[in-house]
């Protein structure tokens, strides 16, 4: 394992260079035993060749493994039986995967990637959270990139659905980007999810890392669902990678006047599966996988099996002021605080207390410009 970690830490050895080396020499151990002339034939950078010849990162690999273990994590290598099978199938898979959490439980479930705009609308966040929750409740692992907006909503939806979710990072597993999602990472791990990265500890969130992250997101998945994407969104790169990896590409349709819907509507026109509910996603799975999907956890009123429609769930324990505010909010259309003040009949102090109480219980979304929306359940 040490030499695999050292090879991954060597500057100039990305997934493509690693694939060339392994195709030529067969193993990480053989790479480090190769002659200089053999390495030069593969057109590696001179500094990379020098590092391999001198085994500069061999000692560092031992320390790296110890540090990962101290974090409660592990490192999976490409020729390890624990390495996720779907990811191994893609072209130029990463040499190593740094993991934290219940990664075995996550990798043993069918997975769907849910990604989209960082500057998501209320509609987009609700769609991502609802679909992710429905899928997670049925034993499908939700995979996303921990970004603001749709990614964060997908992770939260999976947790609320009582299922598992994987956050794939563009940094080392010892840091969180963006920092505002530090609490979300903790919730992911506490709920039986996992955090995954191909990058060594201490890797910062530089732009060139995120396309590599996106390859892992799609590579771990049976299919990729795009929820809101602008014309130049990075989510469209993930969709392209998914198609190249022979994964299903799916999209949630959006308002034709919204720039956030340009990418998803374009994908649907180009042949992506239009998704309105969780069944649309499962229908694209291989038959054996679809047959193993857990039944819905919400039963119909007569007790006769699964309900096809998710009923409106009203949170319990709200006081009168909170109930008034809740009834005025909707999941899709933000409501300004002045409108709430006018329609609720509450004083400003009572309204503010109600909003704080609902926010603390994670029942509402607090949006820019003093706007509020109900969370979808």
Protein backbone atom coordinates (compact mmCIF):
# COMPACT_ATOMS: atom_id res chain seq x y z
CA UNK A 1 0.00 0.00 0.00
CA UNK A 2 2.80 2.41 0.87
CA UNK A 3 4.11 2.60 -2.69
CA UNK A 4 0.63 3.22 -4.09
CA UNK A 5 0.25 6.16 -1.71
CA UNK A 6 3.73 7.41 -2.59
CA UNK A 7 2.95 7.19 -6.31
CA UNK A 8 -0.26 9.16 -5.79
CA UNK A 9 1.67 11.83 -3.84
CA UNK A 10 4.34 12.23 -6.53
CA UNK A 11 4.04 15.57 -8.39
CA UNK A 12 3.11 15.11 -12.03
CA UNK A 13 1.35 11.76 -11.49
CA UNK A 14 -2.32 12.36 -12.25
CA UNK A 15 -4.83 9.65 -13.23
CA UNK A 16 -3.73 9.57 -16.90
CA UNK A 17 -0.01 9.36 -16.13
CA UNK A 18 -0.72 6.74 -13.48
CA UNK A 19 -2.66 4.64 -15.99
CA UNK A 20 0.24 4.80 -18.46
CA UNK A 21 2.68 3.75 -15.76
CA UNK A 22 0.53 0.83 -14.59
CA UNK A 23 -0.12 -0.34 -18.15
CA UNK A 24 3.64 -0.33 -18.77
CA UNK A 25 4.94 -1.74 -15.48
CA UNK A 26 1.94 -3.52 -13.91
CA UNK A 27 2.15 -2.31 -10.30
CA UNK A 28 3.25 0.58 -8.11
CA UNK A 29 6.21 -1.48 -6.86
CA UNK A 30 7.39 -2.07 -10.44
CA UNK A 31 7.09 1.64 -11.24
CA UNK A 32 9.55 2.51 -8.49
CA UNK A 33 11.94 -0.19 -9.70
CA UNK A 34 11.88 1.06 -13.30
CA UNK A 35 15.04 2.43 -14.94
CA UNK A 36 15.31 6.09 -15.81
CA UNK A 37 15.35 5.30 -19.55
CA UNK A 38 12.08 3.37 -19.23
CA UNK A 39 10.39 6.25 -17.42
CA UNK A 40 11.66 8.76 -19.99
CA UNK A 41 9.94 6.77 -22.74
CA UNK A 42 6.59 7.63 -21.13
CA UNK A 43 7.24 11.37 -21.53
CA UNK A 44 7.02 12.18 -17.84
CA UNK A 45 8.30 15.50 -16.54
CA UNK A 46 12.00 15.40 -15.55
CA UNK A 47 11.18 16.33 -11.94
CA UNK A 48 8.61 13.53 -11.79
CA UNK A 49 11.14 10.99 -13.05
CA UNK A 50 13.71 12.23 -10.54
CA UNK A 51 11.20 11.89 -7.71
CA UNK A 52 10.35 8.32 -8.72
CA UNK A 53 14.01 7.31 -9.05
CA UNK A 54 14.84 8.71 -5.61
CA UNK A 55 11.61 7.43 -4.03
CA UNK A 56 11.19 10.83 -2.47
CA UNK A 57 7.69 10.22 -1.11
CA UNK A 58 8.16 6.73 0.33
CA UNK A 59 8.69 7.93 3.92
CA UNK A 60 6.00 10.57 3.50
CA UNK A 61 3.55 7.82 2.50
CA UNK A 62 4.02 6.08 5.87
CA UNK A 63 3.30 9.32 7.71
CA UNK A 64 0.34 10.03 5.44
CA UNK A 65 -1.25 6.70 6.28
CA UNK A 66 -0.75 7.27 10.01
CA UNK A 67 -2.33 10.72 9.79
CA UNK A 68 -5.34 9.35 7.92
CA UNK A 69 -5.81 6.64 10.55
CA UNK A 70 -5.62 9.31 13.27
CA UNK A 71 -8.54 11.07 11.53
CA UNK A 72 -10.53 7.85 11.70
CA UNK A 73 -10.14 7.35 7.95
CA UNK A 74 -8.61 4.86 5.57
CA UNK A 75 -6.92 4.76 2.17
CA UNK A 76 -8.14 2.41 -0.56
CA UNK A 77 -5.82 1.54 -3.42
CA UNK A 78 -6.71 0.61 -6.98
CA UNK A 79 -5.81 -3.09 -6.69
CA UNK A 80 -7.61 -3.42 -3.34
CA UNK A 81 -10.78 -5.53 -3.17
CA UNK A 82 -12.44 -2.73 -1.21
CA UNK A 83 -11.98 -0.23 -4.03
CA UNK A 84 -15.46 0.60 -5.46
CA UNK A 85 -16.16 -1.54 -8.51
CA UNK A 86 -18.01 1.12 -10.52
CA UNK A 87 -15.17 3.60 -10.11
CA UNK A 88 -12.57 1.02 -11.15
CA UNK A 89 -14.43 0.64 -14.47
CA UNK A 90 -13.87 4.23 -15.66
CA UNK A 91 -10.96 5.33 -17.81
CA UNK A 92 -7.99 6.46 -15.70
CA UNK A 93 -9.44 5.75 -12.23
CA UNK A 94 -7.67 7.41 -9.28
CA UNK A 95 -4.82 5.42 -7.75
CA UNK A 96 -6.05 5.94 -4.22
CA UNK A 97 -9.21 6.95 -2.42
CA UNK A 98 -9.05 8.63 0.97
CA UNK A 99 -12.23 7.78 2.90
CA UNK A 100 -13.91 8.59 6.19
CA UNK A 101 -17.17 7.28 7.63
CA UNK A 102 -19.12 4.15 6.73
CA UNK A 103 -17.61 3.93 3.24
CA UNK A 104 -18.22 0.18 3.02
CA UNK A 105 -21.94 0.59 3.66
CA UNK A 106 -22.11 3.41 1.14
CA UNK A 107 -20.22 1.57 -1.60
CA UNK A 108 -22.40 -1.52 -1.10
CA UNK A 109 -25.53 0.42 -2.07
CA UNK A 110 -26.53 1.53 -5.57
CA UNK A 111 -25.63 5.19 -5.93
CA UNK A 112 -27.05 8.20 -7.76
CA UNK A 113 -25.20 11.48 -8.14
CA UNK A 114 -27.25 14.63 -7.58
CA UNK A 115 -25.49 17.86 -8.59
CA UNK A 116 -26.36 21.33 -9.78
CA UNK A 117 -26.02 25.07 -9.40
CA UNK A 118 -24.25 26.64 -6.44
CA UNK A 119 -26.61 29.63 -6.72
CA UNK A 120 -29.71 27.50 -6.62
CA UNK A 121 -33.28 28.73 -6.50
CA UNK A 122 -35.74 27.64 -3.82
CA UNK A 123 -37.37 25.40 -6.42
CA UNK A 124 -34.05 23.75 -7.22
CA UNK A 125 -33.05 23.16 -3.61
CA UNK A 126 -36.47 21.72 -2.79
CA UNK A 127 -36.37 19.43 -5.83
CA UNK A 128 -32.89 18.17 -4.93
CA UNK A 129 -33.81 17.65 -1.29
CA UNK A 130 -37.10 15.90 -2.06
CA UNK A 131 -35.74 13.54 -4.72
CA UNK A 132 -32.64 12.73 -2.67
CA UNK A 133 -34.75 12.00 0.39
CA UNK A 134 -37.09 9.73 -1.57
CA UNK A 135 -34.17 7.81 -3.08
CA UNK A 136 -32.22 7.54 0.18
CA UNK A 137 -35.29 6.20 1.98
CA UNK A 138 -35.28 3.34 -0.51
CA UNK A 139 -31.67 2.31 0.02
CA UNK A 140 -30.02 4.39 -2.71
CA UNK A 141 -26.86 6.26 -1.74
CA UNK A 142 -26.82 9.93 -2.76
CA UNK A 143 -23.46 11.13 -4.10
CA UNK A 144 -22.60 14.80 -4.46
CA UNK A 145 -19.79 17.31 -4.15
CA UNK A 146 -20.53 19.23 -0.92
CA UNK A 147 -20.82 22.54 -2.81
CA UNK A 148 -23.28 25.25 -1.89
CA UNK A 149 -26.77 25.07 -3.35
CA UNK A 150 -27.94 21.84 -4.99
CA UNK A 151 -25.10 19.65 -3.65
CA UNK A 152 -25.76 20.65 -0.05
CA UNK A 153 -29.52 20.20 -0.53
CA UNK A 154 -28.95 16.69 -1.91
CA UNK A 155 -26.83 15.67 1.09
CA UNK A 156 -29.42 17.12 3.50
CA UNK A 157 -32.26 15.36 1.72
CA UNK A 158 -30.50 12.01 1.98
CA UNK A 159 -29.93 12.49 5.71
CA UNK A 160 -33.58 13.46 6.26
CA UNK A 161 -34.65 10.43 4.26
CA UNK A 162 -32.79 8.22 6.71
CA UNK A 163 -30.31 7.03 4.10
CA UNK A 164 -26.66 7.31 3.20
CA UNK A 165 -24.81 10.01 1.29
CA UNK A 166 -21.24 10.40 0.03
CA UNK A 167 -19.54 13.80 -0.15
CA UNK A 168 -16.75 13.79 -2.75
CA UNK A 169 -14.21 16.52 -2.01
CA UNK A 170 -11.91 18.60 -4.16
CA UNK A 171 -9.58 18.89 -1.14
CA UNK A 172 -7.99 16.46 1.28
CA UNK A 173 -10.37 14.73 3.71
CA UNK A 174 -8.81 16.73 6.54
CA UNK A 175 -10.52 19.94 5.42
CA UNK A 176 -13.98 21.14 4.43
CA UNK A 177 -14.73 23.42 1.49
CA UNK A 178 -16.76 25.56 1.71
CA UNK A 179 -16.25 25.97 5.45
CA UNK A 180 -19.93 26.75 5.97
CA UNK A 181 -20.60 23.05 5.31
CA UNK A 182 -18.49 21.88 8.26
CA UNK A 183 -21.63 21.04 10.23
CA UNK A 184 -23.06 19.23 7.19
CA UNK A 185 -19.96 17.01 6.99
CA UNK A 186 -20.42 16.13 10.64
CA UNK A 187 -24.07 15.23 9.99
CA UNK A 188 -23.10 13.12 6.96
CA UNK A 189 -20.65 11.09 9.04
CA UNK A 190 -23.00 10.78 12.01
CA UNK A 191 -25.80 9.50 9.77
CA UNK A 192 -23.70 6.67 8.33
CA UNK A 193 -22.46 8.48 5.25
CA UNK A 194 -18.93 8.94 3.99
CA UNK A 195 -16.44 11.54 2.80
CA UNK A 196 -14.20 10.64 -0.16
CA UNK A 197 -11.27 12.27 -1.95
CA UNK A 198 -8.47 11.23 -4.29
CA UNK A 199 -6.23 14.00 -2.97
CA UNK A 200 -3.57 13.75 -0.24
CA UNK A 201 -4.11 15.41 3.12
CA UNK A 202 -3.58 19.15 3.11
CA UNK A 203 -4.62 19.60 -0.54
CA UNK A 204 -6.23 23.06 -0.88
CA UNK A 205 -9.43 23.81 -2.87
CA UNK A 206 -7.79 24.94 -6.10
CA UNK A 207 -9.84 25.10 -9.29
CA UNK A 208 -8.04 22.33 -11.18
CA UNK A 209 -9.05 19.79 -8.52
CA UNK A 210 -12.78 19.97 -9.12
CA UNK A 211 -12.97 18.32 -12.56
CA UNK A 212 -11.15 15.36 -10.96
CA UNK A 213 -13.69 15.42 -8.14
CA UNK A 214 -16.53 15.41 -10.70
CA UNK A 215 -15.10 12.30 -12.37
CA UNK A 216 -15.34 10.47 -9.05
CA UNK A 217 -18.89 11.71 -8.42
CA UNK A 218 -20.10 10.30 -11.73
CA UNK A 219 -17.80 7.27 -11.58
CA UNK A 220 -19.25 6.07 -8.27
CA UNK A 221 -22.81 6.37 -9.58
CA UNK A 222 -25.25 4.42 -11.70
CA UNK A 223 -26.45 7.74 -13.06
CA UNK A 224 -26.19 11.49 -12.62
CA UNK A 225 -29.14 13.77 -11.93
CA UNK A 226 -28.66 17.46 -12.74
CA UNK A 227 -30.90 19.86 -10.80
CA UNK A 228 -30.46 23.40 -12.18
CA UNK A 229 -27.45 24.41 -14.21
CA UNK A 230 -26.52 27.61 -16.00
CA UNK A 231 -25.12 27.63 -19.52
CA UNK A 232 -21.52 27.35 -18.27
CA UNK A 233 -22.18 25.30 -15.15
CA UNK A 234 -19.63 22.79 -13.91
CA UNK A 235 -22.55 20.38 -13.55
CA UNK A 236 -22.66 20.10 -17.34
CA UNK A 237 -19.06 18.86 -17.18
CA UNK A 238 -20.22 16.19 -14.75
CA UNK A 239 -23.02 15.27 -17.17
CA UNK A 240 -20.51 14.96 -20.02
CA UNK A 241 -18.24 12.80 -17.87
CA UNK A 242 -21.20 10.61 -16.95
CA UNK A 243 -22.02 10.06 -20.62
CA UNK A 244 -18.38 9.21 -21.35
CA UNK A 245 -18.42 6.72 -18.47
CA UNK A 246 -21.61 5.12 -19.84
CA UNK A 247 -23.68 6.36 -16.90
CA UNK A 248 -27.30 7.50 -17.19
CA UNK A 249 -27.75 11.27 -17.51
CA UNK A 250 -30.96 12.69 -16.04
CA UNK A 251 -32.24 16.21 -15.42
CA UNK A 252 -35.03 18.04 -13.61
CA UNK A 253 -36.83 20.46 -15.97
CA UNK A 254 -37.04 24.11 -15.00
CA UNK A 255 -38.61 27.44 -15.80
CA UNK A 256 -37.67 28.47 -19.36
CA UNK A 257 -37.12 32.07 -18.24
CA UNK A 258 -34.61 31.11 -15.54
CA UNK A 259 -30.91 31.08 -16.40
CA UNK A 260 -30.53 28.26 -13.84
CA UNK A 261 -32.70 26.07 -16.05
CA UNK A 262 -30.76 26.57 -19.27
CA UNK A 263 -28.42 23.66 -18.67
CA UNK A 264 -31.02 21.14 -17.48
CA UNK A 265 -33.50 21.97 -20.24
CA UNK A 266 -30.70 21.75 -22.80
CA UNK A 267 -29.70 18.30 -21.49
CA UNK A 268 -33.30 17.09 -21.77
CA UNK A 269 -33.49 18.32 -25.37
CA UNK A 270 -30.23 16.49 -26.05
CA UNK A 271 -31.64 13.20 -24.74
CA UNK A 272 -31.24 13.22 -20.96
CA UNK A 273 -34.04 11.54 -19.01
CA UNK A 274 -36.62 14.03 -17.71
CA UNK A 275 -37.11 13.44 -13.98
CA UNK A 276 -40.20 14.44 -12.01
CA UNK A 277 -40.16 11.82 -9.25
CA UNK A 278 -37.89 9.16 -7.79
CA UNK A 279 -39.49 6.40 -9.89
CA UNK A 280 -38.17 8.07 -13.05
CA UNK A 281 -34.62 7.56 -11.77
CA UNK A 282 -35.01 3.97 -10.61
CA UNK A 283 -36.56 3.09 -13.99
CA UNK A 284 -33.13 3.71 -15.55
CA UNK A 285 -31.36 1.23 -13.27
CA UNK A 286 -30.40 -2.28 -14.42
CA UNK A 287 -33.34 -4.62 -13.76
CA UNK A 288 -31.57 -6.57 -11.01
CA UNK A 289 -30.66 -3.37 -9.16
CA UNK A 290 -34.14 -1.87 -9.56
CA UNK A 291 -35.71 -5.07 -8.23
CA UNK A 292 -33.68 -4.79 -5.03
CA UNK A 293 -34.79 -1.23 -4.23
CA UNK A 294 -36.37 -1.03 -0.80
CA UNK A 295 -40.13 -0.40 -0.63
CA UNK A 296 -41.22 3.13 0.34
CA UNK A 297 -41.30 3.87 4.06
CA UNK A 298 -44.51 5.92 3.78
CA UNK A 299 -47.58 3.67 3.75
CA UNK A 300 -51.01 4.45 2.36
CA UNK A 301 -53.87 5.26 4.74
CA UNK A 302 -55.51 1.85 4.31
CA UNK A 303 -52.24 0.09 5.12
CA UNK A 304 -52.25 -1.60 1.75
CA UNK A 305 -48.68 -1.01 0.67
CA UNK A 306 -46.69 1.95 -0.56
CA UNK A 307 -48.20 5.28 -1.37
CA UNK A 308 -47.14 6.70 -4.72
CA UNK A 309 -47.68 10.28 -3.57
CA UNK A 310 -45.77 11.77 -0.66
CA UNK A 311 -48.35 13.38 1.66
CA UNK A 312 -47.94 16.85 3.09
CA UNK A 313 -46.26 16.41 6.47
CA UNK A 314 -47.04 19.04 9.09
CA UNK A 315 -44.41 19.31 11.84
CA UNK A 316 -45.70 18.77 15.36
CA UNK A 317 -45.03 20.94 18.36
CA UNK A 318 -45.45 24.37 16.74
CA UNK A 319 -46.94 27.15 18.81
CA UNK A 320 -49.73 29.39 17.47
CA UNK A 321 -47.36 32.01 16.02
CA UNK A 322 -45.20 29.39 14.31
CA UNK A 323 -48.30 27.70 12.86
CA UNK A 324 -49.52 30.98 11.40
CA UNK A 325 -46.16 31.62 9.73
CA UNK A 326 -45.90 28.02 8.50
CA UNK A 327 -49.32 28.26 6.82
CA UNK A 328 -48.25 31.39 4.96
CA UNK A 329 -45.10 29.83 3.55
CA UNK A 330 -44.69 27.56 0.54
CA UNK A 331 -41.82 25.31 -0.55
CA UNK A 332 -41.45 26.94 -3.96
CA UNK A 333 -42.20 30.66 -3.66
CA UNK A 334 -40.19 32.78 -1.17
CA UNK A 335 -42.23 35.17 0.97
CA UNK A 336 -40.81 38.50 2.17
CA UNK A 337 -40.89 39.31 5.87
CA UNK A 338 -43.09 42.37 5.20
CA UNK A 339 -45.71 40.13 3.59
CA UNK A 340 -45.56 37.77 6.56
CA UNK A 341 -45.95 40.68 8.95
CA UNK A 342 -49.00 41.96 7.05
CA UNK A 343 -50.75 38.61 6.61
CA UNK A 344 -49.96 36.89 9.90
CA UNK A 345 -51.43 39.56 12.17
CA UNK A 346 -48.42 39.12 14.47
CA UNK A 347 -46.33 41.86 15.99
CA UNK A 348 -42.83 42.19 14.61
CA UNK A 349 -41.40 40.69 17.82
CA UNK A 350 -43.73 37.67 17.72
CA UNK A 351 -43.09 37.17 14.00
CA UNK A 352 -39.34 37.28 14.51
CA UNK A 353 -39.57 34.78 17.39
CA UNK A 354 -41.65 32.44 15.24
CA UNK A 355 -39.16 32.64 12.37
CA UNK A 356 -36.24 31.97 14.69
CA UNK A 357 -38.05 29.00 16.21
CA UNK A 358 -38.84 27.50 12.82
CA UNK A 359 -35.28 28.10 11.58
CA UNK A 360 -33.71 26.47 14.65
CA UNK A 361 -35.80 23.36 13.97
CA UNK A 362 -34.73 23.44 10.31
CA UNK A 363 -38.34 23.78 9.14
CA UNK A 364 -37.81 26.82 6.93
CA UNK A 365 -35.21 28.26 4.57
CA UNK A 366 -33.84 31.71 5.36
CA UNK A 367 -33.13 33.31 1.99
CA UNK A 368 -31.35 36.53 0.97
CA UNK A 369 -33.29 39.79 1.19
CA UNK A 370 -35.31 38.75 4.27
CA UNK A 371 -37.25 36.13 2.32
CA UNK A 372 -38.43 32.81 3.72
CA UNK A 373 -39.67 29.50 2.33
CA UNK A 374 -40.94 26.27 3.81
CA UNK A 375 -38.65 23.25 3.66
CA UNK A 376 -40.01 20.27 1.73
CA UNK A 377 -40.62 17.05 3.67
